[in-house]
Protein backbone atom coordinates (compact mmCIF):
# COMPACT_ATOMS: atom_id res chain seq x y z
CA UNK A 1 3.68 0.03 101.00
CA UNK A 2 6.99 -1.79 101.38
CA UNK A 3 9.04 -2.33 98.26
CA UNK A 4 9.78 -5.66 96.59
CA UNK A 5 12.88 -7.21 98.09
CA UNK A 6 15.89 -7.26 95.78
CA UNK A 7 18.79 -9.62 96.37
CA UNK A 8 21.99 -8.01 95.12
CA UNK A 9 24.18 -10.04 92.77
CA UNK A 10 26.84 -7.40 92.16
CA UNK A 11 29.47 -9.57 93.88
CA UNK A 12 29.37 -12.33 91.28
CA UNK A 13 31.13 -12.38 87.92
CA UNK A 14 29.83 -15.15 85.67
CA UNK A 15 31.28 -13.79 82.44
CA UNK A 16 32.94 -16.62 80.54
CA UNK A 17 31.50 -19.29 82.84
CA UNK A 18 29.76 -22.43 81.63
CA UNK A 19 26.63 -23.23 83.61
CA UNK A 20 24.39 -26.30 83.64
CA UNK A 21 20.83 -26.10 84.96
CA UNK A 22 19.00 -29.32 85.76
CA UNK A 23 15.22 -29.29 85.42
CA UNK A 24 15.75 -26.18 83.33
CA UNK A 25 12.47 -26.38 81.40
CA UNK A 26 10.57 -25.62 84.62
CA UNK A 27 9.52 -22.15 85.74
CA UNK A 28 12.75 -21.42 87.60
CA UNK A 29 15.05 -22.81 84.91
CA UNK A 30 13.48 -20.82 82.10
CA UNK A 31 13.61 -17.57 84.05
CA UNK A 32 17.17 -18.30 85.17
CA UNK A 33 18.29 -18.85 81.56
CA UNK A 34 16.68 -15.57 80.53
CA UNK A 35 18.28 -13.64 83.39
CA UNK A 36 21.74 -15.13 82.94
CA UNK A 37 21.79 -14.56 79.17
CA UNK A 38 20.73 -10.91 79.56
CA UNK A 39 23.13 -9.99 82.36
CA UNK A 40 26.32 -11.96 81.68
CA UNK A 41 28.47 -12.98 78.72
CA UNK A 42 28.53 -16.68 79.48
CA UNK A 43 30.65 -19.32 77.82
CA UNK A 44 27.58 -21.56 77.45
CA UNK A 45 24.43 -22.63 79.26
CA UNK A 46 23.41 -26.28 79.27
CA UNK A 47 19.70 -27.03 79.63
CA UNK A 48 19.36 -30.49 81.16
CA UNK A 49 15.88 -32.00 81.41
CA UNK A 50 13.90 -35.05 80.35
CA UNK A 51 11.02 -33.35 78.52
CA UNK A 52 11.73 -33.07 74.80
CA UNK A 53 8.53 -31.11 74.08
CA UNK A 54 9.32 -28.43 76.66
CA UNK A 55 12.89 -28.21 75.36
CA UNK A 56 11.62 -27.78 71.81
CA UNK A 57 9.20 -25.05 72.89
CA UNK A 58 11.94 -23.36 74.89
CA UNK A 59 14.29 -23.30 71.90
CA UNK A 60 11.66 -21.60 69.75
CA UNK A 61 11.40 -18.74 72.24
CA UNK A 62 15.13 -17.98 72.43
CA UNK A 63 16.57 -14.94 70.70
CA UNK A 64 19.59 -15.48 68.47
CA UNK A 65 22.16 -14.29 71.01
CA UNK A 66 20.88 -16.61 73.74
CA UNK A 67 20.45 -19.50 71.31
CA UNK A 68 24.12 -19.27 70.30
CA UNK A 69 25.32 -20.05 73.83
CA UNK A 70 22.61 -22.53 74.85
CA UNK A 71 22.92 -26.29 74.55
CA UNK A 72 20.02 -28.69 75.16
CA UNK A 73 20.59 -32.11 76.73
CA UNK A 74 17.80 -34.65 77.07
CA UNK A 75 18.53 -36.51 80.27
CA UNK A 76 17.31 -37.55 83.69
CA UNK A 77 19.10 -36.90 86.99
CA UNK A 78 18.53 -40.60 87.68
CA UNK A 79 21.08 -41.35 84.93
CA UNK A 80 24.58 -40.72 86.33
CA UNK A 81 26.35 -41.45 83.05
CA UNK A 82 24.25 -38.93 81.17
CA UNK A 83 24.90 -36.31 83.86
CA UNK A 84 28.65 -36.92 83.61
CA UNK A 85 28.51 -36.38 79.86
CA UNK A 86 26.46 -33.20 80.20
CA UNK A 87 28.78 -31.72 82.85
CA UNK A 88 31.93 -31.90 80.75
CA UNK A 89 33.56 -28.45 80.79
CA UNK A 90 30.96 -27.07 83.22
CA UNK A 91 32.00 -24.61 85.94
CA UNK A 92 28.73 -24.22 87.86
CA UNK A 93 25.68 -26.45 88.32
CA UNK A 94 22.31 -25.09 89.42
CA UNK A 95 20.24 -28.11 90.44
CA UNK A 96 16.52 -27.41 90.07
CA UNK A 97 15.25 -30.81 88.92
CA UNK A 98 12.86 -32.58 91.30
CA UNK A 99 9.52 -34.28 91.65
CA UNK A 100 7.72 -31.48 93.50
CA UNK A 101 4.03 -32.30 93.73
CA UNK A 102 3.17 -33.26 97.31
CA UNK A 103 0.23 -35.52 96.41
CA UNK A 104 2.11 -37.17 93.55
CA UNK A 105 4.98 -38.03 95.90
CA UNK A 106 2.58 -39.49 98.49
CA UNK A 107 1.14 -41.90 95.91
CA UNK A 108 4.42 -42.58 94.08
CA UNK A 109 7.03 -42.67 96.86
CA UNK A 110 9.68 -44.74 95.09
CA UNK A 111 9.66 -42.42 92.06
CA UNK A 112 10.12 -39.43 94.36
CA UNK A 113 13.04 -41.09 96.16
CA UNK A 114 14.77 -42.07 92.91
CA UNK A 115 14.59 -38.55 91.50
CA UNK A 116 15.05 -36.36 94.56
CA UNK A 117 17.49 -38.37 96.68
CA UNK A 118 19.33 -40.71 94.32
CA UNK A 119 19.31 -37.92 91.73
CA UNK A 120 21.13 -35.71 94.24
CA UNK A 121 23.74 -38.43 94.72
CA UNK A 122 24.22 -38.61 90.95
CA UNK A 123 24.71 -34.84 90.76
CA UNK A 124 27.47 -35.11 93.38
CA UNK A 125 29.30 -37.93 91.56
CA UNK A 126 29.04 -36.23 88.17
CA UNK A 127 30.28 -32.93 89.60
CA UNK A 128 33.32 -34.60 91.15
CA UNK A 129 34.03 -36.52 87.94
CA UNK A 130 34.14 -33.26 85.95
CA UNK A 131 35.82 -31.09 88.60
CA UNK A 132 32.89 -28.67 88.67
CA UNK A 133 33.68 -25.61 90.81
CA UNK A 134 30.31 -25.02 92.49
CA UNK A 135 26.96 -26.78 92.81
CA UNK A 136 23.98 -24.97 94.30
CA UNK A 137 20.81 -27.00 94.83
CA UNK A 138 17.27 -25.70 95.14
CA UNK A 139 15.40 -27.07 98.13
CA UNK A 140 12.02 -26.18 99.64
CA UNK A 141 10.43 -24.90 102.83
CA UNK A 142 8.83 -28.34 103.08
CA UNK A 143 12.26 -29.83 103.88
CA UNK A 144 12.18 -28.24 107.35
CA UNK A 145 10.38 -30.53 109.81
CA UNK A 146 8.78 -32.45 106.92
CA UNK A 147 5.36 -34.08 107.18
CA UNK A 148 5.21 -35.36 103.59
CA UNK A 149 7.49 -37.49 101.45
CA UNK A 150 8.37 -34.64 99.11
CA UNK A 151 9.70 -32.60 102.04
CA UNK A 152 11.46 -35.62 103.53
CA UNK A 153 13.11 -36.45 100.20
CA UNK A 154 14.35 -32.87 99.83
CA UNK A 155 15.67 -32.90 103.40
CA UNK A 156 17.60 -36.06 102.55
CA UNK A 157 18.88 -34.42 99.35
CA UNK A 158 19.99 -31.37 101.36
CA UNK A 159 21.97 -33.67 103.65
CA UNK A 160 23.58 -35.33 100.62
CA UNK A 161 24.78 -31.99 99.25
CA UNK A 162 26.01 -30.68 102.60
CA UNK A 163 27.92 -33.90 103.33
CA UNK A 164 29.43 -33.93 99.82
CA UNK A 165 31.71 -31.09 100.90
CA UNK A 166 33.62 -33.57 103.08
CA UNK A 167 34.49 -35.60 99.98
CA UNK A 168 35.81 -32.73 97.91
CA UNK A 169 38.34 -31.45 100.40
CA UNK A 170 39.44 -27.84 100.69
CA UNK A 171 40.09 -27.32 96.98
CA UNK A 172 37.37 -29.54 95.57
CA UNK A 173 33.80 -28.95 94.38
CA UNK A 174 31.71 -26.82 96.75
CA UNK A 175 28.06 -27.72 97.39
CA UNK A 176 25.43 -25.48 98.95
CA UNK A 177 21.64 -25.43 99.24
CA UNK A 178 19.00 -22.72 98.82
CA UNK A 179 15.68 -23.13 100.63
CA UNK A 180 12.77 -20.79 99.92
CA UNK A 181 8.97 -20.65 99.89
CA UNK A 182 6.16 -20.71 97.34
CA UNK A 183 6.91 -18.99 94.04
CA UNK A 184 4.13 -16.67 92.92
CA UNK A 185 2.78 -17.75 89.55
CA UNK A 186 4.91 -20.87 89.14
CA UNK A 187 3.39 -24.05 87.79
CA UNK A 188 1.62 -25.95 90.56
CA UNK A 189 1.12 -22.92 92.81
CA UNK A 190 -2.36 -21.95 93.95
CA UNK A 191 -2.45 -18.61 92.11
CA UNK A 192 -2.68 -20.02 88.54
CA UNK A 193 -5.41 -22.37 89.81
CA UNK A 194 -7.38 -19.46 91.26
CA UNK A 195 -6.97 -17.42 88.06
CA UNK A 196 -8.08 -20.37 85.92
CA UNK A 197 -11.21 -20.89 87.99
CA UNK A 198 -12.01 -17.18 87.92
CA UNK A 199 -11.63 -17.03 84.13
CA UNK A 200 -13.84 -20.09 83.74
CA UNK A 201 -16.63 -18.45 85.75
CA UNK A 202 -16.39 -20.56 88.89
CA UNK A 203 -18.85 -19.68 91.65
CA UNK A 204 -16.27 -20.27 94.40
CA UNK A 205 -12.55 -20.68 95.12
CA UNK A 206 -11.33 -23.72 97.09
CA UNK A 207 -9.55 -23.00 100.39
CA UNK A 208 -8.13 -25.90 102.36
CA UNK A 209 -8.19 -23.99 105.67
CA UNK A 210 -8.79 -20.30 106.44
CA UNK A 211 -5.80 -20.30 108.79
CA UNK A 212 -3.33 -21.54 106.17
CA UNK A 213 -0.27 -19.34 105.57
CA UNK A 214 2.63 -19.55 103.15
CA UNK A 215 5.93 -17.79 102.41
CA UNK A 216 5.91 -16.02 99.02
CA UNK A 217 8.64 -15.06 96.56
CA UNK A 218 8.60 -14.10 92.88
CA UNK A 219 10.51 -15.96 90.17
CA UNK A 220 12.67 -12.89 89.62
CA UNK A 221 13.50 -12.70 93.33
CA UNK A 222 14.16 -16.44 93.44
CA UNK A 223 16.66 -16.33 90.57
CA UNK A 224 18.48 -13.32 92.03
CA UNK A 225 18.58 -14.97 95.45
CA UNK A 226 20.11 -18.17 94.06
CA UNK A 227 22.75 -16.22 92.13
CA UNK A 228 23.54 -14.03 95.14
CA UNK A 229 24.05 -17.19 97.23
CA UNK A 230 26.27 -18.57 94.49
CA UNK A 231 28.46 -15.50 94.98
CA UNK A 232 28.95 -15.93 98.74
CA UNK A 233 28.71 -19.71 99.21
CA UNK A 234 31.56 -21.46 100.98
CA UNK A 235 30.21 -25.00 100.86
CA UNK A 236 27.95 -26.86 103.26
CA UNK A 237 25.49 -24.11 104.14
CA UNK A 238 21.74 -23.78 103.58
CA UNK A 239 20.60 -20.28 102.61
CA UNK A 240 17.10 -19.02 103.49
CA UNK A 241 15.79 -15.65 102.24
CA UNK A 242 13.83 -13.27 104.46
CA UNK A 243 10.54 -13.13 102.56
CA UNK A 244 6.96 -12.23 103.52
CA UNK A 245 4.01 -14.43 104.44
CA UNK A 246 0.35 -14.24 103.52
CA UNK A 247 -2.83 -16.17 104.26
CA UNK A 248 -3.97 -18.19 101.24
CA UNK A 249 -7.55 -17.09 101.93
CA UNK A 250 -6.45 -13.45 101.71
CA UNK A 251 -4.95 -14.09 98.27
CA UNK A 252 -8.28 -15.51 97.12
CA UNK A 253 -10.07 -12.38 98.40
CA UNK A 254 -7.69 -10.09 96.50
CA UNK A 255 -8.01 -12.00 93.23
CA UNK A 256 -11.80 -12.40 93.43
CA UNK A 257 -13.41 -10.19 96.11
CA UNK A 258 -16.93 -11.30 95.23
CA UNK A 259 -16.41 -15.06 95.06
CA UNK A 260 -17.30 -17.35 97.94
CA UNK A 261 -14.74 -19.71 99.45
CA UNK A 262 -15.30 -23.44 99.74
CA UNK A 263 -13.36 -25.09 102.56
CA UNK A 264 -12.00 -28.37 101.21
CA UNK A 265 -9.78 -29.52 104.10
CA UNK A 266 -6.06 -30.11 104.22
CA UNK A 267 -4.86 -32.65 101.67
CA UNK A 268 -2.60 -35.65 102.43
CA UNK A 269 0.88 -34.46 103.39
CA UNK A 270 -0.10 -30.79 103.48
CA UNK A 271 0.89 -28.38 106.28
CA UNK A 272 -1.19 -25.62 107.81
CA UNK A 273 1.88 -23.37 107.96
CA UNK A 274 5.30 -23.70 106.35
CA UNK A 275 8.61 -23.59 108.20
CA UNK A 276 12.07 -22.88 106.80
CA UNK A 277 14.16 -22.97 109.98
CA UNK A 278 13.32 -25.25 112.92
CA UNK A 279 14.20 -24.49 116.53
CA UNK A 280 16.66 -27.39 116.38
CA UNK A 281 18.49 -25.63 113.52
CA UNK A 282 18.79 -22.41 115.53
CA UNK A 283 22.07 -23.46 117.14
CA UNK A 284 23.82 -23.27 113.76
CA UNK A 285 21.74 -20.50 112.15
CA UNK A 286 23.16 -17.04 111.46
CA UNK A 287 21.47 -13.79 110.44
CA UNK A 288 23.10 -12.20 107.38
CA UNK A 289 20.71 -9.25 107.15
CA UNK A 290 18.62 -10.08 104.09
CA UNK A 291 18.81 -13.84 104.66
CA UNK A 292 19.57 -16.57 107.15
CA UNK A 293 22.22 -19.23 106.73
CA UNK A 294 22.27 -22.62 108.43
CA UNK A 295 25.93 -23.51 108.72
CA UNK A 296 27.07 -27.16 108.62
CA UNK A 297 26.83 -28.82 112.03
CA UNK A 298 30.29 -30.34 111.64
CA UNK A 299 33.43 -28.47 110.56
CA UNK A 300 34.54 -28.71 106.94
CA UNK A 301 37.96 -28.45 105.30
CA UNK A 302 39.32 -24.98 106.02
CA UNK A 303 35.82 -23.50 105.85
CA UNK A 304 35.54 -20.01 107.34
CA UNK A 305 32.35 -19.27 109.29
CA UNK A 306 30.14 -16.38 108.23
CA UNK A 307 30.51 -15.16 111.83
CA UNK A 308 34.04 -14.07 110.89
CA UNK A 309 32.46 -11.62 108.43
CA UNK A 310 29.94 -10.16 110.84
CA UNK A 311 27.00 -12.57 110.69
CA UNK A 312 24.98 -12.69 113.92
CA UNK A 313 23.84 -15.96 115.54
CA UNK A 314 20.08 -16.18 116.09
CA UNK A 315 18.74 -16.87 119.56
CA UNK A 316 18.61 -20.51 120.56
CA UNK A 317 15.09 -21.82 120.01
CA UNK A 318 14.48 -19.42 117.12
CA UNK A 319 12.31 -20.75 114.29
CA UNK A 320 11.24 -19.25 110.98
CA UNK A 321 7.64 -20.12 110.18
CA UNK A 322 5.07 -18.56 107.85
CA UNK A 323 2.58 -17.97 110.68
CA UNK A 324 5.01 -16.25 113.07
CA UNK A 325 6.91 -14.35 110.39
CA UNK A 326 7.55 -10.66 111.13
CA UNK A 327 7.01 -9.69 107.47
CA UNK A 328 3.52 -9.89 105.91
CA UNK A 329 2.15 -8.98 102.51
CA UNK A 330 -0.62 -6.44 102.16
CA UNK A 331 -2.82 -6.12 99.09
CA UNK A 332 -0.63 -3.55 97.31
CA UNK A 333 2.54 -5.53 97.92
CA UNK A 334 0.92 -8.74 96.69
CA UNK A 335 -0.28 -7.07 93.49
CA UNK A 336 3.20 -5.61 93.01
CA UNK A 337 4.67 -9.11 93.30
CA UNK A 338 2.18 -10.36 90.71
CA UNK A 339 3.46 -7.69 88.32
CA UNK A 340 7.00 -8.97 88.94
CA UNK A 341 6.16 -12.52 87.79
């Protein structure tokens, strides 16, 4: 059985830093707060989100030490003025806020655009206004060759952050993007749905298509990957972790071996397989060993390529898709990832 992948963060020193996390009451944000507070002596952590109930519940679960350095801001990334206020004195921004439900975005396209694209623009302006050092934005595998509005909106947001590096100049705010796959156990993922149906005594589990595959990563891995990218980012790149794939139907079999599967068909905007690097991106994609990096297609102020530090260009025409991935989960590895939730 292969071991869980660990992304090393030994190269980053966040002690004394002030960090703001947008969308921080979500699965990633809560785990990120916990990890940061336990591993670094931060100046402060600002939790920025629009859900007062989730913020209140989050505060109740903080220990005294973490509570002393944590500040809660009610706000929406659609509100540039509020973002500028929240970013005062901030060194690093981790942007996790987004409208992420594929079906919701299909039926509410304008809301998705306002949050995911215009919200990204507001993050850029607020970061410049407060001379933030680094901004790292969470993207999605659905942003590569998108077939739904959520993916298209995140692709547009990725372009906003990459292009923002032109505005900052060599000594200004640096912006980078992290793109990864489905997070095991996060809200909205298929695994909590399967578990809920199993616990409620369902006679079947719904499968959209037996061929469907997805990339998988744990919350712990996701947080470590983002922080490790924060350590090496130069501005303008998109980082993609090397993570395993698995058939969704196989996950259902592991969780409930005796339950039948009901084929429901692919939903609006849903893909059969996910892709994180397209063949068109291959010309600017480098292999860093435990991850890939898509470098900016146009040169940026004094930016040094990762090639100068030993990164290897991928072959032209290379693509990184969940169905052609070289790394696959087996049952033991999947159960080990569940334990790491």
